[in-house]
Amino acid sequence: MVRLKDIAYRAGVSIMTVSKALRDAKDISVATKTRIQQMAQEMGYVPDAAAAGLRTRNTRLLGLIIPTLTNPIFSRVIMAIEEWAYQHGYAVLLMHSHNDPAREEQCIRRLLSRRVDGLFISPAARMENSVAIYDELQRGTTPVVILGSRAKFCASFLAVENDDTAAAANVTRHLLELGHRRIAFFAGPQVSTWAQDRLAGYKKALREARVDFDDRLIFPAGSTIEEGEKAALQFLQESTGATAVQAINDLVAIGAANVLLQQGVRIPQDISITGFGNVLVSEHFRVPLTTVRQPKFRLGVAAMEVMLAKLRSGKAESKRLPADLVIRQSTAAPAQK
């Protein structure tokens, strides 16, 4: 490992001169600075980020905690955060909570022990209104930006989120405008704020259209393809009279659609189905899926903008981004009977 004194010895200067040259200090000649910087590069010198962090109290590291990368929504969010972090001289440390609160707490503590300059967190779902680790973060000095809808236990933090309620209401309105009145809703995890927001949007659109809400049309469906398949099997066993299914996300919609198609139900001739998220497979599914295009990359960019504002001035505001309805072949007017 090449050290400052190794460069100083070869260059015939003091260690302080090398340090100033590599920090691009102004009280050293351009010629000397250029010579030392070039020599350091040729020798393979790599700055000790940990030591620099102790001197400056800035590690140029940002922590990022998500449930899992298997959720395709996060891939472009992470891409945006990492790209913008790189452009502004930061590196990103990524950890997975697997939606386990205990593991999430350990992830937070490990990242804080690395003295990260800021934390991005997509929180694990909880029923509690207060969580000790988030109370600690609130009392601390490390900036935190929540990715997604905020539950009560993290409502006081800065956040960047989609307007899930408005987007889900737009999906329901689309189905209502096509003529559907019995719209089944394949709901997500009850403890997840984003799932609650999307169900609230569905109810809001029904209320505005003066269509009675019927809880027999609500089916628990989780958030995965497998859970969507199970919800569809339950849906087929019950005579709901529904002519459309509004799924909590694209994966649930695809799982449900697979089962419906296997049972000879035609989409959209016999039943319409919608998703939420616009993951890549939704456009290339056997019946291209009507869904909500979440601004995933813009969400990551917005998160970095909020974080940078907080780091630079201590002042920042949360952001809520709109999401667009994408109409494809999985929805149509209900069949005439």
C-alpha atoms as a PDB file:
ATOM      1  CA  MET A   1       0.000   0.000   0.000  1.00  0.00           C
ATOM      2  CA  VAL A   2       1.482   3.308  -1.121  1.00  0.00           C
ATOM      3  CA  ARG A   3       1.676   5.930   1.629  1.00  0.00           C
ATOM      4  CA  LEU A   4       2.146   9.694   1.587  1.00  0.00           C
ATOM      5  CA  LYS A   5       5.700   9.343   2.862  1.00  0.00           C
ATOM      6  CA  ASP A   6       6.526   6.999  -0.050  1.00  0.00           C
ATOM      7  CA  ILE A   7       5.437   9.663  -2.526  1.00  0.00           C
ATOM      8  CA  ALA A   8       7.282  12.360  -0.539  1.00  0.00           C
ATOM      9  CA  TYR A   9      10.501  10.314  -0.580  1.00  0.00           C
ATOM     10  CA  ARG A  10      10.371   9.789  -4.350  1.00  0.00           C
ATOM     11  CA  ALA A  11       9.388  13.392  -5.061  1.00  0.00           C
ATOM     12  CA  GLY A  12      12.006  14.827  -2.713  1.00  0.00           C
ATOM     13  CA  VAL A  13       9.498  16.931  -0.797  1.00  0.00           C
ATOM     14  CA  SER A  14       7.880  16.902   2.641  1.00  0.00           C
ATOM     15  CA  ILE A  15       4.845  14.796   3.541  1.00  0.00           C
ATOM     16  CA  MET A  16       2.936  18.061   4.144  1.00  0.00           C
ATOM     17  CA  THR A  17       3.681  19.188   0.571  1.00  0.00           C
ATOM     18  CA  VAL A  18       2.367  15.878  -0.792  1.00  0.00           C
ATOM     19  CA  SER A  19      -0.748  16.170   1.337  1.00  0.00           C
ATOM     20  CA  LYS A  20      -1.434  19.695   0.091  1.00  0.00           C
ATOM     21  CA  ALA A  21      -0.834  18.699  -3.530  1.00  0.00           C
ATOM     22  CA  LEU A  22      -3.269  15.808  -3.330  1.00  0.00           C
ATOM     23  CA  ARG A  23      -5.854  18.030  -1.616  1.00  0.00           C
ATOM     24  CA  ASP A  24      -5.428  20.604  -4.389  1.00  0.00           C
ATOM     25  CA  ALA A  25      -4.426  23.271  -1.851  1.00  0.00           C
ATOM     26  CA  LYS A  26      -3.891  26.787  -3.168  1.00  0.00           C
ATOM     27  CA  ASP A  27      -0.645  27.556  -1.318  1.00  0.00           C
ATOM     28  CA  ILE A  28       1.471  25.309  -3.558  1.00  0.00           C
ATOM     29  CA  SER A  29       2.699  25.919  -7.111  1.00  0.00           C
ATOM     30  CA  VAL A  30       0.800  24.440 -10.031  1.00  0.00           C
ATOM     31  CA  ALA A  31       3.947  22.757 -11.352  1.00  0.00           C
ATOM     32  CA  THR A  32       4.710  21.022  -8.040  1.00  0.00           C
ATOM     33  CA  LYS A  33       1.098  20.055  -7.606  1.00  0.00           C
ATOM     34  CA  THR A  34       0.881  18.529 -11.084  1.00  0.00           C
ATOM     35  CA  ARG A  35       4.161  16.623 -10.655  1.00  0.00           C
ATOM     36  CA  ILE A  36       3.135  15.130  -7.317  1.00  0.00           C
ATOM     37  CA  GLN A  37      -0.385  14.231  -8.467  1.00  0.00           C
ATOM     38  CA  GLN A  38       1.003  12.484 -11.543  1.00  0.00           C
ATOM     39  CA  MET A  39       3.588  10.635  -9.463  1.00  0.00           C
ATOM     40  CA  ALA A  40       0.909   9.501  -6.981  1.00  0.00           C
ATOM     41  CA  GLN A  41      -1.183   8.153  -9.847  1.00  0.00           C
ATOM     42  CA  GLU A  42       1.787   6.290 -11.348  1.00  0.00           C
ATOM     43  CA  MET A  43       2.587   4.735  -7.961  1.00  0.00           C
ATOM     44  CA  GLY A  44      -1.022   3.576  -7.507  1.00  0.00           C
ATOM     45  CA  TYR A  45      -1.778   5.729  -4.488  1.00  0.00           C
ATOM     46  CA  VAL A  46      -5.338   5.329  -3.113  1.00  0.00           C
ATOM     47  CA  PRO A  47      -6.499   7.845  -0.459  1.00  0.00           C
ATOM     48  CA  ASP A  48      -7.535   6.428   2.901  1.00  0.00           C
ATOM     49  CA  ALA A  49     -11.201   7.412   2.975  1.00  0.00           C
ATOM     50  CA  ALA A  50     -11.609   6.400   6.622  1.00  0.00           C
ATOM     51  CA  ALA A  51      -8.733   8.618   7.729  1.00  0.00           C
ATOM     52  CA  ALA A  52     -10.016  11.487   5.612  1.00  0.00           C
ATOM     53  CA  GLY A  53     -13.443  11.046   7.139  1.00  0.00           C
ATOM     54  CA  LEU A  54     -12.000  11.385  10.637  1.00  0.00           C
ATOM     55  CA  ARG A  55     -10.290  14.641   9.640  1.00  0.00           C
ATOM     56  CA  THR A  56     -13.231  16.214   7.823  1.00  0.00           C
ATOM     57  CA  ARG A  57     -16.123  14.497   9.653  1.00  0.00           C
ATOM     58  CA  ASN A  58     -17.450  13.617   6.198  1.00  0.00           C
ATOM     59  CA  THR A  59     -17.041  10.091   4.848  1.00  0.00           C
ATOM     60  CA  ARG A  60     -18.699  10.787   1.447  1.00  0.00           C
ATOM     61  CA  LEU A  61     -20.684   7.605   2.083  1.00  0.00           C
ATOM     62  CA  LEU A  62     -24.472   7.269   1.911  1.00  0.00           C
ATOM     63  CA  GLY A  63     -26.360   4.294   3.313  1.00  0.00           C
ATOM     64  CA  LEU A  64     -29.300   2.751   1.435  1.00  0.00           C
ATOM     65  CA  ILE A  65     -31.636   0.161   2.990  1.00  0.00           C
ATOM     66  CA  ILE A  66     -34.338  -1.547   0.924  1.00  0.00           C
ATOM     67  CA  PRO A  67     -36.388  -4.692   1.575  1.00  0.00           C
ATOM     68  CA  THR A  68     -34.981  -6.670  -1.380  1.00  0.00           C
ATOM     69  CA  LEU A  69     -33.662  -6.224  -4.892  1.00  0.00           C
ATOM     70  CA  THR A  70     -36.052  -8.916  -6.140  1.00  0.00           C
ATOM     71  CA  ASN A  71     -38.689  -6.172  -6.129  1.00  0.00           C
ATOM     72  CA  PRO A  72     -38.184  -4.679  -9.618  1.00  0.00           C
ATOM     73  CA  ILE A  73     -39.404  -1.273  -8.471  1.00  0.00           C
ATOM     74  CA  PHE A  74     -36.151  -0.694  -6.589  1.00  0.00           C
ATOM     75  CA  SER A  75     -33.679  -1.362  -9.407  1.00  0.00           C
ATOM     76  CA  ARG A  76     -34.142   1.992 -11.165  1.00  0.00           C
ATOM     77  CA  VAL A  77     -34.489   3.880  -7.870  1.00  0.00           C
ATOM     78  CA  ILE A  78     -31.100   2.511  -6.810  1.00  0.00           C
ATOM     79  CA  MET A  79     -29.621   3.235 -10.237  1.00  0.00           C
ATOM     80  CA  ALA A  80     -30.646   6.886  -9.969  1.00  0.00           C
ATOM     81  CA  ILE A  81     -29.391   7.302  -6.397  1.00  0.00           C
ATOM     82  CA  GLU A  82     -26.056   5.658  -7.188  1.00  0.00           C
ATOM     83  CA  GLU A  83     -25.544   7.681 -10.378  1.00  0.00           C
ATOM     84  CA  TRP A  84     -26.311  11.014  -8.743  1.00  0.00           C
ATOM     85  CA  ALA A  85     -24.252  10.086  -5.690  1.00  0.00           C
ATOM     86  CA  TYR A  86     -21.295   9.276  -7.957  1.00  0.00           C
ATOM     87  CA  GLN A  87     -21.622  12.575  -9.797  1.00  0.00           C
ATOM     88  CA  HIS A  88     -21.500  14.451  -6.493  1.00  0.00           C
ATOM     89  CA  GLY A  89     -18.568  12.517  -5.065  1.00  0.00           C
ATOM     90  CA  TYR A  90     -20.429  10.042  -2.858  1.00  0.00           C
ATOM     91  CA  ALA A  91     -20.407   6.254  -2.703  1.00  0.00           C
ATOM     92  CA  VAL A  92     -23.475   4.214  -1.731  1.00  0.00           C
ATOM     93  CA  LEU A  93     -23.528   1.300   0.715  1.00  0.00           C
ATOM     94  CA  LEU A  94     -26.527  -0.945  -0.019  1.00  0.00           C
ATOM     95  CA  MET A  95     -28.123  -3.259   2.554  1.00  0.00           C
ATOM     96  CA  HIS A  96     -31.278  -5.406   2.526  1.00  0.00           C
ATOM     97  CA  SER A  97     -33.771  -5.647   5.372  1.00  0.00           C
ATOM     98  CA  HIS A  98     -35.878  -8.428   3.779  1.00  0.00           C
ATOM     99  CA  ASN A  99     -38.790  -6.515   5.324  1.00  0.00           C
ATOM    100  CA  ASP A 100     -37.688  -7.760   8.756  1.00  0.00           C
ATOM    101  CA  PRO A 101     -37.792  -4.961  11.376  1.00  0.00           C
ATOM    102  CA  ALA A 102     -35.058  -6.549  13.511  1.00  0.00           C
ATOM    103  CA  ARG A 103     -32.742  -6.934  10.537  1.00  0.00           C
ATOM    104  CA  GLU A 104     -33.529  -3.391   9.413  1.00  0.00           C
ATOM    105  CA  GLU A 105     -32.463  -2.049  12.801  1.00  0.00           C
ATOM    106  CA  GLN A 106     -29.160  -3.921  12.508  1.00  0.00           C
ATOM    107  CA  CYS A 107     -28.652  -2.501   9.013  1.00  0.00           C
ATOM    108  CA  ILE A 108     -29.220   1.020  10.320  1.00  0.00           C
ATOM    109  CA  ARG A 109     -26.775   0.525  13.195  1.00  0.00           C
ATOM    110  CA  ARG A 110     -24.095  -0.967  10.927  1.00  0.00           C
ATOM    111  CA  LEU A 111     -24.361   1.930   8.503  1.00  0.00           C
ATOM    112  CA  LEU A 112     -24.235   4.470  11.331  1.00  0.00           C
ATOM    113  CA  SER A 113     -21.111   2.714  12.627  1.00  0.00           C
ATOM    114  CA  ARG A 114     -19.563   3.388   9.202  1.00  0.00           C
ATOM    115  CA  ARG A 115     -20.311   7.078   9.832  1.00  0.00           C
ATOM    116  CA  VAL A 116     -22.369   7.500   6.666  1.00  0.00           C
ATOM    117  CA  ASP A 117     -23.211  11.107   5.852  1.00  0.00           C
ATOM    118  CA  GLY A 118     -26.871  10.238   5.191  1.00  0.00           C
ATOM    119  CA  LEU A 119     -29.365   7.381   5.109  1.00  0.00           C
ATOM    120  CA  PHE A 120     -32.007   6.375   2.563  1.00  0.00           C
ATOM    121  CA  ILE A 121     -34.511   3.888   3.993  1.00  0.00           C
ATOM    122  CA  SER A 122     -37.472   2.042   2.547  1.00  0.00           C
ATOM    123  CA  PRO A 123     -38.877   0.986   5.936  1.00  0.00           C
ATOM    124  CA  ALA A 124     -39.993  -2.517   6.814  1.00  0.00           C
ATOM    125  CA  ALA A 125     -43.725  -2.647   7.499  1.00  0.00           C
ATOM    126  CA  ARG A 126     -44.766  -2.417  11.138  1.00  0.00           C
ATOM    127  CA  MET A 127     -47.981  -2.016  13.105  1.00  0.00           C
ATOM    128  CA  GLU A 128     -46.419   0.181  15.797  1.00  0.00           C
ATOM    129  CA  ASN A 129     -46.889   3.940  15.865  1.00  0.00           C
ATOM    130  CA  SER A 130     -43.484   4.405  17.493  1.00  0.00           C
ATOM    131  CA  VAL A 131     -40.239   2.496  16.808  1.00  0.00           C
ATOM    132  CA  ALA A 132     -37.156   2.927  19.002  1.00  0.00           C
ATOM    133  CA  ILE A 133     -34.537   2.960  16.232  1.00  0.00           C
ATOM    134  CA  TYR A 134     -36.425   5.653  14.327  1.00  0.00           C
ATOM    135  CA  ASP A 135     -36.768   7.690  17.519  1.00  0.00           C
ATOM    136  CA  GLU A 136     -32.981   7.432  17.864  1.00  0.00           C
ATOM    137  CA  LEU A 137     -32.488   8.581  14.272  1.00  0.00           C
ATOM    138  CA  GLN A 138     -34.798  11.536  14.908  1.00  0.00           C
ATOM    139  CA  ARG A 139     -32.667  12.596  17.891  1.00  0.00           C
ATOM    140  CA  GLY A 140     -29.431  12.084  15.945  1.00  0.00           C
ATOM    141  CA  THR A 141     -27.671  14.257  13.391  1.00  0.00           C
ATOM    142  CA  THR A 142     -27.540  11.904  10.399  1.00  0.00           C
ATOM    143  CA  PRO A 143     -29.976  13.052   7.667  1.00  0.00           C
ATOM    144  CA  VAL A 144     -32.601  10.447   6.746  1.00  0.00           C
ATOM    145  CA  VAL A 145     -34.742  10.336   3.610  1.00  0.00           C
ATOM    146  CA  ILE A 146     -37.601   7.835   3.554  1.00  0.00           C
ATOM    147  CA  LEU A 147     -38.264   6.141   0.204  1.00  0.00           C
ATOM    148  CA  GLY A 148     -41.988   5.678  -0.270  1.00  0.00           C
ATOM    149  CA  SER A 149     -45.048   6.311   1.853  1.00  0.00           C
ATOM    150  CA  ARG A 150     -44.382   7.163   5.483  1.00  0.00           C
ATOM    151  CA  ALA A 151     -45.985   5.163   8.273  1.00  0.00           C
ATOM    152  CA  LYS A 152     -46.715   6.872  11.608  1.00  0.00           C
ATOM    153  CA  PHE A 153     -43.432   5.730  13.145  1.00  0.00           C
ATOM    154  CA  CYS A 154     -41.403   7.597  10.500  1.00  0.00           C
ATOM    155  CA  ALA A 155     -43.820  10.398   9.586  1.00  0.00           C
ATOM    156  CA  SER A 156     -41.506  13.119  10.913  1.00  0.00           C
ATOM    157  CA  PHE A 157     -38.691  12.359   8.454  1.00  0.00           C
ATOM    158  CA  LEU A 158     -38.100  13.796   5.007  1.00  0.00           C
ATOM    159  CA  ALA A 159     -39.564  11.552   2.327  1.00  0.00           C
ATOM    160  CA  VAL A 160     -39.820  11.098  -1.424  1.00  0.00           C
ATOM    161  CA  GLU A 161     -42.911   9.202  -2.466  1.00  0.00           C
ATOM    162  CA  ASN A 162     -45.372   8.568  -5.248  1.00  0.00           C
ATOM    163  CA  ASP A 163     -48.920   9.852  -4.904  1.00  0.00           C
ATOM    164  CA  ASP A 164     -50.280   6.315  -4.643  1.00  0.00           C
ATOM    165  CA  THR A 165     -53.759   7.366  -3.573  1.00  0.00           C
ATOM    166  CA  ALA A 166     -54.307   9.598  -6.598  1.00  0.00           C
ATOM    167  CA  ALA A 167     -52.771   7.048  -8.974  1.00  0.00           C
ATOM    168  CA  ALA A 168     -54.924   4.176  -7.689  1.00  0.00           C
ATOM    169  CA  ALA A 169     -58.017   6.384  -7.932  1.00  0.00           C
ATOM    170  CA  ASN A 170     -57.145   7.041 -11.596  1.00  0.00           C
ATOM    171  CA  VAL A 171     -57.030   3.300 -12.261  1.00  0.00           C
ATOM    172  CA  THR A 172     -60.459   2.831 -10.696  1.00  0.00           C
ATOM    173  CA  ARG A 173     -61.850   5.792 -12.663  1.00  0.00           C
ATOM    174  CA  HIS A 174     -60.540   4.237 -15.882  1.00  0.00           C
ATOM    175  CA  LEU A 175     -62.434   1.013 -15.143  1.00  0.00           C
ATOM    176  CA  LEU A 176     -65.558   2.935 -14.167  1.00  0.00           C
ATOM    177  CA  GLU A 177     -65.416   4.959 -17.382  1.00  0.00           C
ATOM    178  CA  LEU A 178     -65.281   1.715 -19.351  1.00  0.00           C
ATOM    179  CA  GLY A 179     -68.561   0.735 -17.695  1.00  0.00           C
ATOM    180  CA  HIS A 180     -67.400  -1.559 -14.878  1.00  0.00           C
ATOM    181  CA  ARG A 181     -69.339  -1.309 -11.641  1.00  0.00           C
ATOM    182  CA  ARG A 182     -68.269  -4.518  -9.861  1.00  0.00           C
ATOM    183  CA  ILE A 183     -64.504  -4.035  -9.511  1.00  0.00           C
ATOM    184  CA  ALA A 184     -62.630  -6.520  -7.338  1.00  0.00           C
ATOM    185  CA  PHE A 185     -59.568  -5.197  -5.506  1.00  0.00           C
ATOM    186  CA  PHE A 186     -56.628  -7.519  -4.833  1.00  0.00           C
ATOM    187  CA  ALA A 187     -55.186  -5.784  -1.765  1.00  0.00           C
ATOM    188  CA  GLY A 188     -51.608  -5.670  -0.493  1.00  0.00           C
ATOM    189  CA  PRO A 189     -50.193  -6.221   3.014  1.00  0.00           C
ATOM    190  CA  GLN A 190     -52.419  -4.468   5.548  1.00  0.00           C
ATOM    191  CA  VAL A 191     -49.449  -3.090   7.501  1.00  0.00           C
ATOM    192  CA  SER A 192     -47.904  -1.439   4.422  1.00  0.00           C
ATOM    193  CA  THR A 193     -48.680   2.253   4.056  1.00  0.00           C
ATOM    194  CA  TRP A 194     -48.415   2.132   0.262  1.00  0.00           C
ATOM    195  CA  ALA A 195     -51.018  -0.660   0.174  1.00  0.00           C
ATOM    196  CA  GLN A 196     -53.319   1.337   2.427  1.00  0.00           C
ATOM    197  CA  ASP A 197     -52.929   4.391   0.170  1.00  0.00           C
ATOM    198  CA  ARG A 198     -53.833   2.422  -2.970  1.00  0.00           C
ATOM    199  CA  LEU A 199     -56.899   0.908  -1.329  1.00  0.00           C
ATOM    200  CA  ALA A 200     -57.898   4.405  -0.223  1.00  0.00           C
ATOM    201  CA  GLY A 201     -57.621   5.598  -3.835  1.00  0.00           C
ATOM    202  CA  TYR A 202     -59.881   2.786  -5.017  1.00  0.00           C
ATOM    203  CA  LYS A 203     -62.480   3.660  -2.383  1.00  0.00           C
ATOM    204  CA  LYS A 204     -62.220   7.361  -3.193  1.00  0.00           C
ATOM    205  CA  ALA A 205     -62.962   6.825  -6.890  1.00  0.00           C
ATOM    206  CA  LEU A 206     -65.945   4.583  -6.095  1.00  0.00           C
ATOM    207  CA  ARG A 207     -67.288   7.168  -3.679  1.00  0.00           C
ATOM    208  CA  GLU A 208     -66.956   9.965  -6.237  1.00  0.00           C
ATOM    209  CA  ALA A 209     -68.813   7.857  -8.819  1.00  0.00           C
ATOM    210  CA  ARG A 210     -71.543   7.031  -6.265  1.00  0.00           C
ATOM    211  CA  VAL A 211     -70.773   3.316  -6.543  1.00  0.00           C
ATOM    212  CA  ASP A 212     -71.290   1.451  -3.282  1.00  0.00           C
ATOM    213  CA  PHE A 213     -68.207  -0.081  -1.708  1.00  0.00           C
ATOM    214  CA  ASP A 214     -68.591  -3.854  -1.226  1.00  0.00           C
ATOM    215  CA  ASP A 215     -66.043  -5.520   1.058  1.00  0.00           C
ATOM    216  CA  ARG A 216     -66.836  -8.883  -0.583  1.00  0.00           C
ATOM    217  CA  LEU A 217     -64.855  -7.556  -3.561  1.00  0.00           C
ATOM    218  CA  ILE A 218     -61.669  -7.121  -1.489  1.00  0.00           C
ATOM    219  CA  PHE A 219     -59.255 -10.060  -1.650  1.00  0.00           C
ATOM    220  CA  PRO A 220     -55.969 -10.253   0.311  1.00  0.00           C
ATOM    221  CA  ALA A 221     -53.200 -10.689  -2.217  1.00  0.00           C
ATOM    222  CA  GLY A 222     -49.874  -9.633  -0.699  1.00  0.00           C
ATOM    223  CA  SER A 223     -47.347  -8.337  -3.198  1.00  0.00           C
ATOM    224  CA  THR A 224     -45.906 -11.276  -5.175  1.00  0.00           C
ATOM    225  CA  ILE A 225     -46.851 -13.321  -8.240  1.00  0.00           C
ATOM    226  CA  GLU A 226     -47.525 -16.368  -6.060  1.00  0.00           C
ATOM    227  CA  GLU A 227     -49.832 -14.381  -3.776  1.00  0.00           C
ATOM    228  CA  GLY A 228     -51.638 -13.025  -6.836  1.00  0.00           C
ATOM    229  CA  GLU A 229     -52.231 -16.584  -8.023  1.00  0.00           C
ATOM    230  CA  LYS A 230     -53.726 -17.563  -4.649  1.00  0.00           C
ATOM    231  CA  ALA A 231     -55.990 -14.508  -4.648  1.00  0.00           C
ATOM    232  CA  ALA A 232     -57.216 -15.364  -8.144  1.00  0.00           C
ATOM    233  CA  LEU A 233     -58.086 -18.917  -7.103  1.00  0.00           C
ATOM    234  CA  GLN A 234     -60.088 -17.574  -4.174  1.00  0.00           C
ATOM    235  CA  PHE A 235     -61.730 -15.024  -6.485  1.00  0.00           C
ATOM    236  CA  LEU A 236     -62.799 -17.765  -8.916  1.00  0.00           C
ATOM    237  CA  GLN A 237     -64.344 -19.795  -6.094  1.00  0.00           C
ATOM    238  CA  GLU A 238     -66.605 -16.930  -5.051  1.00  0.00           C
ATOM    239  CA  SER A 239     -69.484 -15.578  -7.118  1.00  0.00           C
ATOM    240  CA  THR A 240     -68.811 -11.867  -6.856  1.00  0.00           C
ATOM    241  CA  GLY A 241     -70.164 -10.783 -10.218  1.00  0.00           C
ATOM    242  CA  ALA A 242     -66.999  -8.702 -10.729  1.00  0.00           C
ATOM    243  CA  THR A 243     -66.143  -7.729 -14.303  1.00  0.00           C
ATOM    244  CA  ALA A 244     -62.740  -6.229 -13.451  1.00  0.00           C
ATOM    245  CA  VAL A 245     -59.835  -6.806 -11.076  1.00  0.00           C
ATOM    246  CA  GLN A 246     -57.668  -3.970  -9.799  1.00  0.00           C
ATOM    247  CA  ALA A 247     -54.465  -5.459  -8.391  1.00  0.00           C
ATOM    248  CA  ILE A 248     -52.239  -3.801  -5.817  1.00  0.00           C
ATOM    249  CA  ASN A 249     -49.183  -4.107  -8.082  1.00  0.00           C
ATOM    250  CA  ASP A 250     -48.018  -5.596 -11.379  1.00  0.00           C
ATOM    251  CA  LEU A 251     -46.673  -8.809  -9.862  1.00  0.00           C
ATOM    252  CA  VAL A 252     -49.999  -9.592  -8.195  1.00  0.00           C
ATOM    253  CA  ALA A 253     -51.824  -8.715 -11.435  1.00  0.00           C
ATOM    254  CA  ILE A 254     -49.595 -11.033 -13.471  1.00  0.00           C
ATOM    255  CA  GLY A 255     -50.008 -13.905 -11.006  1.00  0.00           C
ATOM    256  CA  ALA A 256     -53.779 -13.425 -11.032  1.00  0.00           C
ATOM    257  CA  ALA A 257     -53.909 -13.126 -14.829  1.00  0.00           C
ATOM    258  CA  ASN A 258     -51.954 -16.361 -15.246  1.00  0.00           C
ATOM    259  CA  VAL A 259     -54.527 -18.256 -13.187  1.00  0.00           C
ATOM    260  CA  LEU A 260     -57.487 -16.630 -14.947  1.00  0.00           C
ATOM    261  CA  LEU A 261     -56.086 -17.450 -18.382  1.00  0.00           C
ATOM    262  CA  GLN A 262     -55.340 -21.036 -17.337  1.00  0.00           C
ATOM    263  CA  GLN A 263     -58.965 -21.399 -16.263  1.00  0.00           C
ATOM    264  CA  GLY A 264     -60.186 -20.239 -19.659  1.00  0.00           C
ATOM    265  CA  VAL A 265     -61.128 -16.708 -18.586  1.00  0.00           C
ATOM    266  CA  ARG A 266     -60.383 -14.315 -21.406  1.00  0.00           C
ATOM    267  CA  ILE A 267     -58.678 -10.997 -20.724  1.00  0.00           C
ATOM    268  CA  PRO A 268     -60.152  -8.438 -21.358  1.00  0.00           C
ATOM    269  CA  GLN A 269     -63.201  -9.987 -23.076  1.00  0.00           C
ATOM    270  CA  ASP A 270     -64.451 -11.747 -19.916  1.00  0.00           C
ATOM    271  CA  ILE A 271     -62.686  -9.705 -17.274  1.00  0.00           C
ATOM    272  CA  SER A 272     -60.405  -6.656 -17.215  1.00  0.00           C
ATOM    273  CA  ILE A 273     -57.323  -6.551 -14.992  1.00  0.00           C
ATOM    274  CA  THR A 274     -54.966  -3.771 -13.958  1.00  0.00           C
ATOM    275  CA  GLY A 275     -51.674  -3.540 -12.098  1.00  0.00           C
ATOM    276  CA  PHE A 276     -49.543  -0.837 -10.507  1.00  0.00           C
ATOM    277  CA  GLY A 277     -45.859  -0.060 -11.040  1.00  0.00           C
ATOM    278  CA  ASN A 278     -45.180  -0.637 -14.745  1.00  0.00           C
ATOM    279  CA  VAL A 279     -42.390  -3.158 -14.196  1.00  0.00           C
ATOM    280  CA  LEU A 280     -40.770  -4.344 -17.423  1.00  0.00           C
ATOM    281  CA  VAL A 281     -42.695  -7.607 -17.683  1.00  0.00           C
ATOM    282  CA  SER A 282     -46.074  -5.819 -17.529  1.00  0.00           C
ATOM    283  CA  GLU A 283     -45.649  -4.465 -21.063  1.00  0.00           C
ATOM    284  CA  HIS A 284     -44.528  -7.845 -22.430  1.00  0.00           C
ATOM    285  CA  PHE A 285     -47.027 -10.062 -20.620  1.00  0.00           C
ATOM    286  CA  ARG A 286     -49.291 -12.282 -22.776  1.00  0.00           C
ATOM    287  CA  VAL A 287     -51.936  -9.595 -22.454  1.00  0.00           C
ATOM    288  CA  PRO A 288     -50.056  -6.282 -22.032  1.00  0.00           C
ATOM    289  CA  LEU A 289     -51.097  -4.866 -18.701  1.00  0.00           C
ATOM    290  CA  THR A 290     -52.909  -1.612 -18.007  1.00  0.00           C
ATOM    291  CA  THR A 291     -50.997  -0.185 -15.062  1.00  0.00           C
ATOM    292  CA  VAL A 292     -49.544   2.863 -13.334  1.00  0.00           C
ATOM    293  CA  ARG A 293     -46.159   4.080 -14.499  1.00  0.00           C
ATOM    294  CA  GLN A 294     -44.282   4.930 -11.322  1.00  0.00           C
ATOM    295  CA  PRO A 295     -41.496   7.470 -11.920  1.00  0.00           C
ATOM    296  CA  LYS A 296     -38.897   5.124 -10.472  1.00  0.00           C
ATOM    297  CA  PHE A 297     -35.769   6.850 -11.796  1.00  0.00           C
ATOM    298  CA  ARG A 298     -37.171  10.300 -10.958  1.00  0.00           C
ATOM    299  CA  LEU A 299     -37.931   9.025  -7.447  1.00  0.00           C
ATOM    300  CA  GLY A 300     -34.256   8.175  -6.962  1.00  0.00           C
ATOM    301  CA  VAL A 301     -33.136  11.516  -8.404  1.00  0.00           C
ATOM    302  CA  ALA A 302     -35.582  13.376  -6.159  1.00  0.00           C
ATOM    303  CA  ALA A 303     -34.301  11.439  -3.132  1.00  0.00           C
ATOM    304  CA  MET A 304     -30.733  12.539  -3.894  1.00  0.00           C
ATOM    305  CA  GLU A 305     -31.858  16.137  -4.401  1.00  0.00           C
ATOM    306  CA  VAL A 306     -33.511  16.136  -0.976  1.00  0.00           C
ATOM    307  CA  MET A 307     -30.459  14.519   0.624  1.00  0.00           C
ATOM    308  CA  LEU A 308     -27.998  16.949  -0.976  1.00  0.00           C
ATOM    309  CA  ALA A 309     -30.097  19.940   0.080  1.00  0.00           C
ATOM    310  CA  LYS A 310     -30.155  18.634   3.649  1.00  0.00           C
ATOM    311  CA  LEU A 311     -26.397  17.985   3.683  1.00  0.00           C
ATOM    312  CA  ARG A 312     -25.510  21.378   2.225  1.00  0.00           C
ATOM    313  CA  SER A 313     -27.852  23.720   4.038  1.00  0.00           C
ATOM    314  CA  GLY A 314     -29.656  21.663   6.642  1.00  0.00           C
ATOM    315  CA  LYS A 315     -32.938  22.600   4.958  1.00  0.00           C
ATOM    316  CA  ALA A 316     -34.978  20.399   2.628  1.00  0.00           C
ATOM    317  CA  GLU A 317     -38.576  19.515   1.867  1.00  0.00           C
ATOM    318  CA  SER A 318     -40.271  16.209   1.159  1.00  0.00           C
ATOM    319  CA  LYS A 319     -41.420  15.484  -2.387  1.00  0.00           C
ATOM    320  CA  ARG A 320     -44.479  13.682  -3.733  1.00  0.00           C
ATOM    321  CA  LEU A 321     -44.354  12.682  -7.390  1.00  0.00           C
ATOM    322  CA  PRO A 322     -47.365  12.042  -9.635  1.00  0.00           C
ATOM    323  CA  ALA A 323     -47.677   8.727 -11.489  1.00  0.00           C
ATOM    324  CA  ASP A 324     -49.248   8.203 -14.918  1.00  0.00           C
ATOM    325  CA  LEU A 325     -51.891   5.717 -16.019  1.00  0.00           C
ATOM    326  CA  VAL A 326     -50.737   3.504 -18.902  1.00  0.00           C
ATOM    327  CA  ILE A 327     -53.642   1.925 -20.793  1.00  0.00           C
ATOM    328  CA  ARG A 328     -52.892  -1.332 -22.574  1.00  0.00           C
ATOM    329  CA  GLN A 329     -54.844  -4.370 -23.804  1.00  0.00           C
ATOM    330  CA  SER A 330     -55.812  -5.869 -20.432  1.00  0.00           C
ATOM    331  CA  THR A 331     -58.786  -3.530 -19.954  1.00  0.00           C
ATOM    332  CA  ALA A 332     -61.936  -3.059 -22.030  1.00  0.00           C
ATOM    333  CA  ALA A 333     -65.652  -2.432 -21.579  1.00  0.00           C
ATOM    334  CA  PRO A 334     -67.468  -5.265 -19.784  1.00  0.00           C
ATOM    335  CA  ALA A 335     -69.143  -7.872 -21.951  1.00  0.00           C
ATOM    336  CA  GLN A 336     -72.822  -7.246 -22.642  1.00  0.00           C
ATOM    337  CA  LYS A 337     -75.086  -9.838 -21.032  1.00  0.00           C
END
